[in-house]
Amino acid sequence: MIEDYYTPNLPEEVLADREERDCRGQGQALIGSLLKGVLDRGIPLHRESRARRLITEGRRIVGVETEEESKILRIRARKGVIIATGGFEWNTKLVNSFLRGPMTGPVSVPECEGDGLLMAMEVGASLGNMGKSWWLQSSQELAAHGRGHANYLIGNSERTRPRSILVNREAKRFVNEATNYNAIGPVLHNFDANTHDYVNLPFWIIVDQTYVEKYRFFNATTKGVVPPWAITADTIEELGERIGIDGVQLAKTVSTFNADVAAGHDTEFGRGDSTYDQFWGDKDFEGVYRTLGPIDTAPFYAVKMESGVLGTCGGPRTNAKGQVIDWDDTPIQGLYICSNAMSSPTAGVYGGAGGTLGPGMTFGFIAGRHAAQHG
């Protein structure tokens, strides 16, 4: 069982019960049930198969060309082709071409390279929402994915708990650390016209020993352990110098934050004032102190963070039937799309955990039904 990072403070007996019953979260149960539906219907699965281009007859899509074990296969579609390949966050060329600012730490699977987007573009699909993503903050783990791609860890709980702050290259806080992760993304893209650079990149999370002793920190399996890529120092000033920022300014930043914690109000960014902020924090405390806590116990730790994404949310536009449309809003016959591969129906607004699953499943259902009835 993977522990649900949205509820990091569950009692040990609850976690033990879930472990014993093999409870599955973070999408595993959903994917398992969908896969079972495919297998029960005898639908063939092609593993290690990469879709490369769509097959056309006139303006109609009649199949897909795939690459399997260095062989090219041409698969004919009787009803239509439904693209559900995810976003393009692991394709550097597409990221640099479309996203509004730096994206350095995707947490999705590395196979999300925009294959569906490229295929749809080749047959004249119109695009929408291309500059936006489901932004969040991550950190690069030392271990890598099986194919050598970097592995990035979600840093939502880490930055919202008491005794933590985010600081930029100027050793200053720049955002309410407990606000929603998607909204922090654009803050990381603040551009200074004088220096011609992004003022909040790079950035770090700063925590103290009390934080480490109470919470699991990124990939640490137990409390009291820090990830191997964390930087440690006995003083805040020394910590700043070790990560390459102004240690004196970092000490001032921490001192100001600690004073606000003692007064019960974050005068800089209002952290902890909203119900949302308090939901993300430590439920052992009440009110603002679910997310506000002093950084005052040595040693101190810093972990470099990344401008990450859960996935991109731009792609080919569709009509209400899930059909991909061209720039004249005319459906491309035989071509459908759903999931993060499509231009999101919610644009860049992220409704919360699992907010892409509802639209993805809905448009998948709509597309499948329309293809079955009209293909």
Protein backbone atom coordinates (compact mmCIF):
# COMPACT_ATOMS: atom_id res chain seq x y z
CA MET A 1 0.00 0.00 0.00
CA ILE A 2 1.23 3.49 -0.81
CA GLU A 3 0.52 5.93 2.02
CA ASP A 4 -1.89 8.66 0.99
CA TYR A 5 0.17 11.85 1.08
CA TYR A 6 -2.97 13.94 1.55
CA THR A 7 -3.42 12.48 5.06
CA PRO A 8 0.15 12.17 6.37
CA ASN A 9 -0.86 12.04 10.04
CA LEU A 10 -3.13 9.00 10.05
CA PRO A 11 -2.85 6.91 13.23
CA GLU A 12 -0.51 3.94 12.98
CA GLU A 13 -3.37 1.51 13.64
CA VAL A 14 -5.30 2.90 10.66
CA LEU A 15 -2.27 2.54 8.41
CA ALA A 16 -1.69 -1.00 9.70
CA ASP A 17 -5.30 -1.95 8.98
CA ARG A 18 -5.05 -0.61 5.43
CA GLU A 19 -1.81 -2.50 4.94
CA GLU A 20 -3.37 -5.75 6.14
CA ARG A 21 -6.38 -5.36 3.83
CA ASP A 22 -4.12 -4.38 0.91
CA CYS A 23 -5.97 -1.11 0.39
CA ARG A 24 -4.92 0.73 -2.71
CA GLY A 25 -4.83 4.47 -3.22
CA GLN A 26 -3.38 7.11 -5.51
CA GLY A 27 -5.10 5.65 -8.57
CA GLN A 28 -4.15 1.99 -8.20
CA ALA A 29 -7.68 0.74 -7.43
CA LEU A 30 -9.16 2.79 -10.29
CA ILE A 31 -6.63 1.55 -12.85
CA GLY A 32 -7.03 -2.01 -11.59
CA SER A 33 -10.79 -1.99 -12.09
CA LEU A 34 -10.51 -0.43 -15.55
CA LEU A 35 -7.89 -3.00 -16.56
CA LYS A 36 -10.12 -5.81 -15.32
CA GLY A 37 -12.92 -4.49 -17.52
CA VAL A 38 -10.62 -4.67 -20.54
CA LEU A 39 -9.44 -8.18 -19.74
CA ASP A 40 -12.96 -9.46 -19.01
CA ARG A 41 -14.01 -8.39 -22.51
CA GLY A 42 -11.09 -10.09 -24.21
CA ILE A 43 -9.69 -6.84 -25.57
CA PRO A 44 -6.06 -7.35 -26.65
CA LEU A 45 -3.39 -5.25 -24.95
CA HIS A 46 -0.21 -4.19 -26.71
CA ARG A 47 2.53 -3.57 -24.16
CA GLU A 48 5.73 -1.72 -25.07
CA SER A 49 3.88 -0.36 -28.07
CA ARG A 50 4.37 3.27 -29.07
CA ALA A 51 1.84 5.00 -31.33
CA ARG A 52 3.72 6.98 -33.98
CA ARG A 53 1.23 8.30 -36.53
CA LEU A 54 -2.38 8.13 -37.60
CA ILE A 55 -3.45 6.35 -40.76
CA THR A 56 -5.78 8.33 -42.96
CA GLU A 57 -8.06 7.71 -45.94
CA GLY A 58 -8.94 11.11 -47.31
CA ARG A 59 -9.77 13.17 -44.22
CA ARG A 60 -10.89 10.21 -42.15
CA ILE A 61 -8.74 8.48 -39.53
CA VAL A 62 -8.82 4.74 -40.11
CA GLY A 63 -6.06 3.43 -37.91
CA VAL A 64 -2.76 3.96 -36.16
CA GLU A 65 0.83 3.06 -36.89
CA THR A 66 2.75 1.74 -33.89
CA GLU A 67 6.30 0.79 -33.09
CA GLU A 68 6.75 -2.51 -31.28
CA GLU A 69 10.10 -4.24 -30.73
CA SER A 70 11.66 -2.18 -33.54
CA LYS A 71 8.88 -3.25 -35.89
CA ILE A 72 6.25 -1.00 -37.43
CA LEU A 73 2.67 -2.28 -37.14
CA ARG A 74 -0.35 -0.79 -38.88
CA ILE A 75 -3.54 -1.36 -36.89
CA ARG A 76 -6.85 -0.63 -38.58
CA ALA A 77 -9.66 0.91 -36.55
CA ARG A 78 -13.19 -0.08 -37.54
CA LYS A 79 -14.88 2.61 -35.44
CA GLY A 80 -12.27 5.23 -34.67
CA VAL A 81 -9.07 6.05 -32.81
CA ILE A 82 -9.23 7.49 -29.28
CA ILE A 83 -6.06 9.24 -28.14
CA ALA A 84 -5.47 8.91 -24.38
CA THR A 85 -1.70 9.23 -24.20
CA GLY A 86 -1.37 11.85 -21.45
CA GLY A 87 0.46 15.16 -21.69
CA PHE A 88 3.77 16.29 -23.15
CA GLU A 89 5.69 17.22 -19.99
CA TRP A 90 8.61 14.85 -20.72
CA ASN A 91 9.19 16.21 -24.23
CA THR A 92 11.74 19.02 -23.83
CA LYS A 93 11.10 20.46 -27.28
CA LEU A 94 7.34 20.69 -26.71
CA VAL A 95 7.79 22.07 -23.19
CA ASN A 96 10.11 24.80 -24.43
CA SER A 97 7.77 25.59 -27.32
CA PHE A 98 4.51 25.86 -25.41
CA LEU A 99 4.71 26.25 -21.62
CA ARG A 100 4.63 29.74 -20.15
CA GLY A 101 7.77 29.36 -18.06
CA PRO A 102 10.43 26.92 -16.82
CA MET A 103 9.27 23.41 -15.95
CA THR A 104 11.99 21.33 -14.37
CA GLY A 105 10.40 18.50 -12.37
CA PRO A 106 7.48 16.47 -13.81
CA VAL A 107 6.16 13.77 -11.48
CA SER A 108 4.26 11.80 -14.11
CA VAL A 109 5.58 8.71 -15.90
CA PRO A 110 8.36 9.50 -18.41
CA GLU A 111 6.28 8.06 -21.25
CA CYS A 112 4.23 11.27 -21.35
CA GLU A 113 6.13 12.71 -24.30
CA GLY A 114 3.25 14.16 -26.28
CA ASP A 115 2.89 11.36 -28.83
CA GLY A 116 -0.87 11.91 -29.09
CA LEU A 117 -0.38 15.65 -29.55
CA LEU A 118 2.16 15.16 -32.35
CA MET A 119 -0.08 12.68 -34.19
CA ALA A 120 -3.10 14.95 -33.94
CA MET A 121 -1.14 17.99 -35.11
CA GLU A 122 -0.08 16.09 -38.22
CA VAL A 123 -3.71 15.62 -39.30
CA GLY A 124 -4.77 19.22 -38.73
CA ALA A 125 -6.08 19.29 -35.15
CA SER A 126 -6.56 22.71 -33.57
CA LEU A 127 -4.93 23.26 -30.20
CA GLY A 128 -5.98 24.93 -27.00
CA ASN A 129 -4.66 25.72 -23.52
CA MET A 130 -1.11 24.95 -24.56
CA GLY A 131 0.67 27.30 -22.17
CA LYS A 132 -0.75 25.77 -19.01
CA SER A 133 -0.09 22.75 -16.84
CA TRP A 134 -1.19 21.23 -13.58
CA TRP A 135 1.63 22.88 -11.68
CA LEU A 136 3.08 21.62 -8.42
CA GLN A 137 6.34 21.65 -6.52
CA SER A 138 8.65 18.65 -6.59
CA SER A 139 12.20 17.63 -5.73
CA GLN A 140 14.60 15.46 -7.68
CA GLU A 141 15.33 12.13 -6.03
CA LEU A 142 18.80 10.61 -6.41
CA ALA A 143 17.32 7.42 -7.84
CA ALA A 144 16.12 7.35 -11.43
CA HIS A 145 13.28 5.77 -13.37
CA GLY A 146 13.97 2.40 -14.91
CA ARG A 147 14.91 3.93 -18.25
CA GLY A 148 17.32 6.44 -16.82
CA HIS A 149 14.95 9.42 -16.57
CA ALA A 150 15.19 11.55 -13.45
CA ASN A 151 12.63 10.79 -10.75
CA TYR A 152 10.84 13.69 -9.05
CA LEU A 153 8.92 13.49 -5.78
CA ILE A 154 5.80 15.50 -4.96
CA GLY A 155 6.46 18.11 -2.28
CA ASN A 156 2.96 19.18 -1.22
CA SER A 157 2.87 17.98 2.37
CA GLU A 158 6.46 18.98 2.94
CA ARG A 159 5.91 22.69 2.28
CA THR A 160 2.57 23.02 4.10
CA ARG A 161 3.51 21.58 7.49
CA PRO A 162 4.61 23.74 10.43
CA ARG A 163 8.31 24.61 10.70
CA SER A 164 8.87 24.91 6.94
CA ILE A 165 9.25 27.78 4.48
CA LEU A 166 10.13 28.21 0.82
CA VAL A 167 12.85 30.69 -0.13
CA ASN A 168 14.16 31.93 -3.45
CA ARG A 169 17.66 32.84 -4.65
CA GLU A 170 17.44 36.07 -2.64
CA ALA A 171 16.96 33.99 0.52
CA LYS A 172 13.46 35.42 0.90
CA ARG A 173 9.99 33.92 1.12
CA PHE A 174 7.95 34.63 -1.98
CA VAL A 175 4.59 32.90 -1.53
CA ASN A 176 2.09 31.45 0.95
CA GLU A 177 3.59 27.97 1.25
CA ALA A 178 0.25 26.39 2.17
CA THR A 179 -1.73 27.70 -0.79
CA ASN A 180 -2.81 25.40 -3.60
CA TYR A 181 0.06 23.92 -5.58
CA ASN A 182 -1.34 24.79 -9.00
CA ALA A 183 -1.43 28.49 -8.09
CA ILE A 184 2.22 28.49 -7.00
CA GLY A 185 3.31 27.51 -10.52
CA PRO A 186 2.85 30.97 -12.08
CA VAL A 187 4.60 32.56 -9.08
CA LEU A 188 7.72 30.61 -10.01
CA HIS A 189 7.54 32.23 -13.46
CA ASN A 190 7.79 35.81 -12.19
CA PHE A 191 10.25 37.46 -14.56
CA ASP A 192 12.56 40.36 -13.72
CA ALA A 193 12.91 42.64 -16.74
CA ASN A 194 16.13 44.14 -15.35
CA THR A 195 18.01 40.90 -14.75
CA HIS A 196 16.22 38.97 -17.52
CA ASP A 197 15.73 36.04 -15.21
CA TYR A 198 13.12 34.27 -13.11
CA VAL A 199 13.43 35.78 -9.63
CA ASN A 200 12.00 32.82 -7.69
CA LEU A 201 14.10 30.13 -9.34
CA PRO A 202 15.89 28.21 -8.03
CA PHE A 203 14.11 27.77 -4.69
CA TRP A 204 14.45 25.63 -1.58
CA ILE A 205 12.43 24.30 1.31
CA ILE A 206 13.93 25.10 4.73
CA VAL A 207 13.02 23.01 7.83
CA ASP A 208 14.42 22.32 11.29
CA GLN A 209 15.18 19.24 13.37
CA THR A 210 11.80 19.22 15.13
CA TYR A 211 10.12 19.07 11.72
CA VAL A 212 12.29 16.11 10.69
CA GLU A 213 11.60 14.24 13.92
CA LYS A 214 7.83 14.53 13.52
CA TYR A 215 7.23 14.14 9.78
CA ARG A 216 8.30 11.86 7.00
CA PHE A 217 10.37 13.99 4.67
CA PHE A 218 10.08 13.19 0.94
CA ASN A 219 11.26 9.60 0.45
CA ALA A 220 12.24 8.96 4.08
CA THR A 221 10.59 5.73 5.26
CA THR A 222 10.67 6.76 8.91
CA LYS A 223 10.50 9.94 10.90
CA GLY A 224 13.78 11.52 11.96
CA VAL A 225 15.47 10.78 8.62
CA VAL A 226 16.21 13.26 5.86
CA PRO A 227 16.55 12.48 2.15
CA PRO A 228 20.18 11.96 1.09
CA TRP A 229 20.14 15.06 -1.12
CA ALA A 230 19.24 17.37 1.79
CA ILE A 231 21.82 19.99 2.87
CA THR A 232 22.44 20.26 6.63
CA ALA A 233 23.95 22.95 8.85
CA ASP A 234 24.05 23.86 12.53
CA THR A 235 22.97 27.47 11.91
CA ILE A 236 20.63 29.17 9.46
CA GLU A 237 23.46 31.42 8.23
CA GLU A 238 25.67 28.44 7.47
CA LEU A 239 22.78 26.65 5.75
CA GLY A 240 22.29 29.60 3.43
CA GLU A 241 25.95 29.66 2.48
CA ARG A 242 25.97 25.93 1.82
CA ILE A 243 23.13 26.16 -0.69
CA GLY A 244 24.64 29.22 -2.35
CA ILE A 245 22.42 32.02 -1.08
CA ASP A 246 22.92 34.89 1.37
CA GLY A 247 23.08 33.31 4.83
CA VAL A 248 22.56 36.58 6.69
CA GLN A 249 19.45 37.36 4.67
CA LEU A 250 18.17 33.82 5.19
CA ALA A 251 18.55 34.29 8.95
CA LYS A 252 16.54 37.52 8.72
CA THR A 253 13.85 35.74 6.72
CA VAL A 254 13.58 32.96 9.30
CA SER A 255 13.57 35.46 12.18
CA THR A 256 10.71 37.44 10.63
CA PHE A 257 8.76 34.24 10.02
CA ASN A 258 9.32 33.04 13.59
CA ALA A 259 8.09 36.36 14.98
CA ASP A 260 4.92 36.05 12.89
CA VAL A 261 4.44 32.49 14.15
CA ALA A 262 4.68 33.69 17.74
CA ALA A 263 2.07 36.38 17.01
CA GLY A 264 -0.22 33.90 15.25
CA HIS A 265 -0.36 35.68 11.89
CA ASP A 266 1.84 35.58 8.77
CA THR A 267 2.16 39.29 7.97
CA GLU A 268 3.86 38.63 4.61
CA PHE A 269 1.55 36.17 2.88
CA GLY A 270 -1.31 35.27 5.23
CA ARG A 271 -0.29 31.64 5.48
CA GLY A 272 -2.75 29.71 7.63
CA ASP A 273 -5.56 32.23 7.41
CA SER A 274 -7.74 30.13 5.09
CA THR A 275 -9.47 26.82 5.67
CA TYR A 276 -7.59 25.43 2.68
CA ASP A 277 -4.23 26.26 4.25
CA GLN A 278 -5.21 24.54 7.48
CA PHE A 279 -6.42 21.41 5.68
CA TRP A 280 -2.97 20.81 4.23
CA GLY A 281 -1.12 21.24 7.50
CA ASP A 282 -0.75 19.16 10.65
CA LYS A 283 -4.13 18.25 12.13
CA ASP A 284 -2.54 17.67 15.53
CA PHE A 285 -2.76 21.45 15.89
CA GLU A 286 -5.62 23.93 15.61
CA GLY A 287 -6.20 27.00 13.48
CA VAL A 288 -3.25 28.75 11.88
CA TYR A 289 -0.84 26.53 13.78
CA ARG A 290 -1.74 23.62 11.56
CA THR A 291 0.68 25.20 9.10
CA LEU A 292 2.59 27.82 11.11
CA GLY A 293 5.48 26.74 13.32
CA PRO A 294 8.87 28.22 14.23
CA ILE A 295 12.09 27.14 12.54
CA ASP A 296 14.28 27.21 15.64
CA THR A 297 15.78 23.81 16.42
CA ALA A 298 19.22 22.91 15.06
CA PRO A 299 20.35 21.31 12.89
CA PHE A 300 18.59 22.89 9.94
CA TYR A 301 17.94 21.42 6.51
CA ALA A 302 17.43 22.63 2.95
CA VAL A 303 16.19 20.68 -0.06
CA LYS A 304 16.25 22.11 -3.56
CA MET A 305 12.79 22.20 -5.11
CA GLU A 306 11.68 22.09 -8.73
CA SER A 307 9.10 23.89 -10.83
CA GLY A 308 7.15 20.70 -11.38
CA VAL A 309 3.91 19.51 -12.93
CA LEU A 310 1.48 16.67 -12.47
CA GLY A 311 0.96 16.91 -16.22
CA THR A 312 0.25 19.36 -19.00
CA CYS A 313 -3.35 20.36 -19.72
CA GLY A 314 -3.14 21.59 -23.30
CA GLY A 315 -3.72 19.68 -26.50
CA PRO A 316 -6.14 19.13 -29.38
CA ARG A 317 -9.53 20.76 -28.99
CA THR A 318 -12.72 18.69 -29.05
CA ASN A 319 -16.43 19.14 -29.41
CA ALA A 320 -18.97 17.86 -26.88
CA LYS A 321 -18.79 14.39 -28.47
CA GLY A 322 -15.08 13.99 -27.80
CA GLN A 323 -14.22 14.40 -31.49
CA VAL A 324 -11.01 16.23 -32.31
CA ILE A 325 -11.79 19.38 -34.29
CA ASP A 326 -9.77 21.44 -36.76
CA TRP A 327 -9.40 25.24 -36.84
CA ASP A 328 -12.79 25.58 -38.53
CA ASP A 329 -14.33 23.60 -35.63
CA THR A 330 -15.04 20.75 -38.05
CA PRO A 331 -14.66 17.25 -36.56
CA ILE A 332 -11.83 15.15 -37.91
CA GLN A 333 -13.79 12.00 -38.67
CA GLY A 334 -12.67 8.91 -36.78
CA LEU A 335 -10.47 10.78 -34.30
CA TYR A 336 -11.29 11.24 -30.61
CA ILE A 337 -9.32 12.30 -27.57
CA CYS A 338 -9.54 12.32 -23.76
CA SER A 339 -7.35 12.58 -20.65
CA ASN A 340 -4.46 15.03 -20.32
CA ALA A 341 -3.83 14.62 -24.03
CA MET A 342 -6.77 16.91 -24.82
CA SER A 343 -7.23 20.63 -24.27
CA SER A 344 -8.62 20.52 -20.75
CA PRO A 345 -12.32 21.37 -20.39
CA THR A 346 -11.44 23.21 -17.18
CA ALA A 347 -8.66 25.22 -18.89
CA GLY A 348 -5.91 25.82 -16.32
CA VAL A 349 -8.19 25.62 -13.29
CA TYR A 350 -7.39 22.67 -11.05
CA GLY A 351 -10.27 21.61 -8.84
CA GLY A 352 -8.21 19.54 -6.44
CA ALA A 353 -6.82 16.05 -5.95
CA GLY A 354 -7.96 13.81 -8.80
CA GLY A 355 -9.35 16.81 -10.66
CA THR A 356 -8.24 15.40 -14.00
CA LEU A 357 -9.82 11.98 -13.46
CA GLY A 358 -13.44 13.07 -13.74
CA PRO A 359 -13.05 14.92 -17.07
CA GLY A 360 -10.74 12.19 -18.39
CA MET A 361 -13.18 9.37 -17.66
CA THR A 362 -16.18 11.42 -18.80
CA PHE A 363 -14.71 12.28 -22.18
CA GLY A 364 -13.36 8.76 -22.56
CA PHE A 365 -16.88 7.42 -22.05
CA ILE A 366 -18.40 9.98 -24.41
CA ALA A 367 -15.79 9.34 -27.09
CA GLY A 368 -16.15 5.55 -26.84
CA ARG A 369 -19.93 5.69 -27.05
CA HIS A 370 -19.94 8.05 -30.02
CA ALA A 371 -17.33 6.01 -31.88
CA ALA A 372 -19.31 2.80 -31.29
CA GLN A 373 -22.54 4.36 -32.55
CA HIS A 374 -21.23 6.42 -35.45
CA GLY A 375 -17.95 4.86 -36.52
